N, C-alpha and C. Protein backbone atom coordinates (compact mmCIF):
# COMPACT_ATOMS: atom_id res chain seq x y z
N MET A 1 21.17 47.39 -90.04
CA MET A 1 19.87 46.75 -89.98
C MET A 1 18.93 47.53 -89.07
N ALA A 2 19.47 48.25 -88.11
CA ALA A 2 18.62 48.99 -87.17
C ALA A 2 17.89 50.15 -87.84
N ILE A 3 18.55 50.80 -88.78
CA ILE A 3 17.94 51.97 -89.41
C ILE A 3 16.74 51.59 -90.26
N PRO A 4 16.86 50.63 -91.19
CA PRO A 4 15.68 50.28 -91.99
C PRO A 4 14.54 49.71 -91.13
N LEU A 5 14.89 48.93 -90.13
CA LEU A 5 13.86 48.36 -89.27
C LEU A 5 13.12 49.44 -88.49
N SER A 6 13.85 50.42 -88.00
CA SER A 6 13.22 51.53 -87.27
C SER A 6 12.31 52.35 -88.17
N LEU A 7 12.77 52.62 -89.38
CA LEU A 7 11.95 53.39 -90.31
C LEU A 7 10.69 52.63 -90.71
N MET A 8 10.83 51.32 -90.90
CA MET A 8 9.65 50.50 -91.24
C MET A 8 8.66 50.47 -90.09
N ALA A 9 9.16 50.35 -88.85
CA ALA A 9 8.27 50.35 -87.69
C ALA A 9 7.53 51.68 -87.58
N ALA A 10 8.24 52.77 -87.81
CA ALA A 10 7.61 54.09 -87.77
C ALA A 10 6.55 54.22 -88.85
N ALA A 11 6.84 53.71 -90.04
CA ALA A 11 5.87 53.76 -91.13
C ALA A 11 4.63 52.94 -90.81
N VAL A 12 4.82 51.78 -90.18
CA VAL A 12 3.68 50.93 -89.81
C VAL A 12 2.81 51.65 -88.77
N VAL A 13 3.43 52.27 -87.80
CA VAL A 13 2.67 53.01 -86.77
C VAL A 13 1.92 54.18 -87.41
N LEU A 14 2.58 54.90 -88.28
CA LEU A 14 1.92 56.02 -88.95
C LEU A 14 0.74 55.53 -89.80
N ASP A 15 0.92 54.41 -90.47
CA ASP A 15 -0.16 53.86 -91.28
C ASP A 15 -1.31 53.38 -90.40
N ALA A 16 -1.00 52.76 -89.28
CA ALA A 16 -2.05 52.28 -88.37
C ALA A 16 -2.86 53.44 -87.80
N ARG A 17 -2.20 54.56 -87.58
CA ARG A 17 -2.90 55.73 -87.04
C ARG A 17 -3.50 56.60 -88.14
N ARG A 18 -3.28 56.19 -89.38
CA ARG A 18 -3.76 56.93 -90.55
C ARG A 18 -3.23 58.37 -90.56
N ALA A 19 -1.99 58.52 -90.14
CA ALA A 19 -1.35 59.83 -90.12
C ALA A 19 -0.75 60.12 -91.49
N PRO A 20 -0.86 61.34 -91.95
CA PRO A 20 -0.28 61.66 -93.26
C PRO A 20 1.23 61.83 -93.15
N ILE A 21 1.91 61.52 -94.24
CA ILE A 21 3.35 61.76 -94.31
C ILE A 21 3.53 63.19 -94.81
N ASN A 22 4.03 64.06 -93.94
CA ASN A 22 4.24 65.45 -94.33
C ASN A 22 5.70 65.83 -94.09
N VAL A 23 6.02 67.08 -94.30
CA VAL A 23 7.39 67.55 -94.20
C VAL A 23 7.93 67.38 -92.78
N MET A 24 7.10 67.60 -91.79
CA MET A 24 7.54 67.48 -90.39
C MET A 24 7.92 66.03 -90.07
N ILE A 25 7.14 65.08 -90.54
CA ILE A 25 7.45 63.67 -90.29
C ILE A 25 8.71 63.26 -91.04
N LEU A 26 8.85 63.68 -92.28
CA LEU A 26 10.06 63.37 -93.03
C LEU A 26 11.30 63.98 -92.38
N ALA A 27 11.18 65.19 -91.86
CA ALA A 27 12.30 65.82 -91.16
C ALA A 27 12.66 65.03 -89.91
N GLY A 28 11.66 64.54 -89.21
CA GLY A 28 11.92 63.71 -88.03
C GLY A 28 12.65 62.43 -88.39
N PHE A 29 12.25 61.81 -89.51
CA PHE A 29 12.95 60.61 -89.98
C PHE A 29 14.41 60.91 -90.29
N VAL A 30 14.65 62.00 -90.98
CA VAL A 30 16.02 62.37 -91.36
C VAL A 30 16.87 62.64 -90.12
N ILE A 31 16.32 63.36 -89.18
CA ILE A 31 17.07 63.67 -87.96
C ILE A 31 17.36 62.40 -87.17
N SER A 32 16.38 61.51 -87.06
CA SER A 32 16.60 60.28 -86.30
C SER A 32 17.65 59.40 -86.96
N VAL A 33 17.65 59.32 -88.28
CA VAL A 33 18.69 58.55 -88.98
C VAL A 33 20.05 59.19 -88.74
N GLY A 34 20.11 60.50 -88.76
CA GLY A 34 21.38 61.19 -88.50
C GLY A 34 21.91 60.90 -87.11
N VAL A 35 21.03 60.87 -86.13
CA VAL A 35 21.46 60.58 -84.75
C VAL A 35 21.98 59.15 -84.64
N VAL A 36 21.30 58.20 -85.24
CA VAL A 36 21.73 56.80 -85.17
C VAL A 36 23.09 56.62 -85.85
N VAL A 37 23.27 57.23 -87.01
CA VAL A 37 24.54 57.12 -87.74
C VAL A 37 25.66 57.79 -86.95
N ASP A 38 25.40 58.95 -86.37
CA ASP A 38 26.40 59.65 -85.57
C ASP A 38 26.83 58.81 -84.37
N ASP A 39 25.87 58.20 -83.69
CA ASP A 39 26.21 57.35 -82.55
C ASP A 39 27.05 56.15 -82.98
N ALA A 40 26.73 55.58 -84.13
CA ALA A 40 27.50 54.44 -84.62
C ALA A 40 28.93 54.84 -84.94
N ILE A 41 29.10 56.00 -85.55
CA ILE A 41 30.45 56.48 -85.88
C ILE A 41 31.26 56.72 -84.62
N ILE A 42 30.67 57.33 -83.62
CA ILE A 42 31.36 57.58 -82.36
C ILE A 42 31.75 56.28 -81.70
N ASP A 43 30.85 55.29 -81.73
CA ASP A 43 31.12 53.99 -81.11
C ASP A 43 32.28 53.29 -81.83
N ILE A 44 32.27 53.30 -83.14
CA ILE A 44 33.34 52.65 -83.90
C ILE A 44 34.68 53.33 -83.67
N GLU A 45 34.69 54.66 -83.64
CA GLU A 45 35.94 55.37 -83.38
C GLU A 45 36.51 55.02 -82.01
N ASN A 46 35.64 54.89 -81.01
CA ASN A 46 36.11 54.54 -79.67
C ASN A 46 36.64 53.10 -79.63
N ILE A 47 35.98 52.20 -80.34
CA ILE A 47 36.45 50.81 -80.37
C ILE A 47 37.83 50.73 -81.01
N VAL A 48 38.01 51.41 -82.14
CA VAL A 48 39.30 51.40 -82.82
C VAL A 48 40.39 52.00 -81.93
N ARG A 49 40.07 53.11 -81.26
CA ARG A 49 41.05 53.75 -80.37
C ARG A 49 41.44 52.82 -79.24
N CYS A 50 40.46 52.16 -78.64
CA CYS A 50 40.76 51.24 -77.53
C CYS A 50 41.57 50.04 -78.00
N LEU A 51 41.21 49.49 -79.16
CA LEU A 51 41.98 48.36 -79.69
C LEU A 51 43.43 48.74 -79.94
N ARG A 52 43.65 49.88 -80.57
CA ARG A 52 45.02 50.31 -80.85
C ARG A 52 45.80 50.56 -79.57
N GLN A 53 45.16 51.20 -78.60
CA GLN A 53 45.84 51.51 -77.35
C GLN A 53 46.22 50.24 -76.60
N LEU A 54 45.29 49.30 -76.49
CA LEU A 54 45.59 48.07 -75.75
C LEU A 54 46.61 47.21 -76.48
N ARG A 55 46.57 47.17 -77.78
CA ARG A 55 47.56 46.38 -78.53
C ARG A 55 48.94 47.02 -78.41
N ARG A 56 48.99 48.35 -78.40
CA ARG A 56 50.26 49.05 -78.24
C ARG A 56 50.86 48.77 -76.86
N GLU A 57 49.99 48.64 -75.86
CA GLU A 57 50.44 48.36 -74.50
C GLU A 57 50.79 46.89 -74.30
N GLY A 58 50.45 46.05 -75.28
CA GLY A 58 50.77 44.63 -75.17
C GLY A 58 49.73 43.84 -74.41
N SER A 59 48.53 44.35 -74.31
CA SER A 59 47.47 43.65 -73.59
C SER A 59 47.06 42.39 -74.33
N THR A 60 46.69 41.38 -73.57
CA THR A 60 46.23 40.12 -74.17
C THR A 60 44.72 39.97 -74.08
N MET A 61 44.03 41.05 -73.78
CA MET A 61 42.57 41.01 -73.71
C MET A 61 42.01 40.67 -75.08
N SER A 62 40.97 39.84 -75.11
CA SER A 62 40.40 39.43 -76.39
C SER A 62 39.75 40.62 -77.09
N THR A 63 39.70 40.52 -78.41
CA THR A 63 39.13 41.59 -79.22
C THR A 63 37.65 41.77 -78.88
N ALA A 64 36.94 40.68 -78.69
CA ALA A 64 35.51 40.77 -78.37
C ALA A 64 35.30 41.51 -77.05
N ARG A 65 36.12 41.24 -76.07
CA ARG A 65 35.99 41.91 -74.76
C ARG A 65 36.29 43.40 -74.89
N VAL A 66 37.29 43.75 -75.69
CA VAL A 66 37.62 45.16 -75.89
C VAL A 66 36.45 45.88 -76.55
N ILE A 67 35.84 45.24 -77.54
CA ILE A 67 34.70 45.84 -78.24
C ILE A 67 33.54 46.07 -77.29
N VAL A 68 33.25 45.09 -76.46
CA VAL A 68 32.14 45.23 -75.50
C VAL A 68 32.42 46.35 -74.51
N GLU A 69 33.62 46.37 -73.95
CA GLU A 69 33.94 47.39 -72.96
C GLU A 69 33.99 48.79 -73.57
N ALA A 70 34.49 48.91 -74.80
CA ALA A 70 34.53 50.21 -75.47
C ALA A 70 33.11 50.70 -75.77
N SER A 71 32.24 49.80 -76.19
CA SER A 71 30.86 50.18 -76.47
C SER A 71 30.13 50.59 -75.21
N ILE A 72 30.36 49.87 -74.13
CA ILE A 72 29.73 50.24 -72.86
C ILE A 72 30.26 51.60 -72.38
N GLY A 73 31.56 51.83 -72.60
CA GLY A 73 32.15 53.11 -72.21
C GLY A 73 31.51 54.28 -72.93
N VAL A 74 31.24 54.11 -74.23
CA VAL A 74 30.57 55.18 -74.98
C VAL A 74 29.15 55.35 -74.49
N PHE A 75 28.48 54.24 -74.23
CA PHE A 75 27.09 54.31 -73.76
C PHE A 75 26.99 55.04 -72.43
N LEU A 76 27.94 54.79 -71.54
CA LEU A 76 27.90 55.42 -70.23
C LEU A 76 28.21 56.91 -70.29
N LEU A 77 28.99 57.32 -71.29
CA LEU A 77 29.32 58.73 -71.44
C LEU A 77 28.15 59.55 -71.98
N LEU A 78 27.26 58.90 -72.73
CA LEU A 78 26.12 59.61 -73.30
C LEU A 78 25.11 59.73 -72.24
């Protein structure tokens, strides 16, 4: 949901400023979508790794807590 909403907001701002859609703007859109998708993939991989590791160790930490802590861990590393 974040990607379409971000692109729509950018389009609204460009329209409000009467800026033309050119190759440079389209390239910026493509790069920004790539960055968002890459960050999501990294976050999901870290969550899965943490869940597997804690379950293997026999931890009783809730799944929701593991997801939050894994996401914060990725955020702090960036």
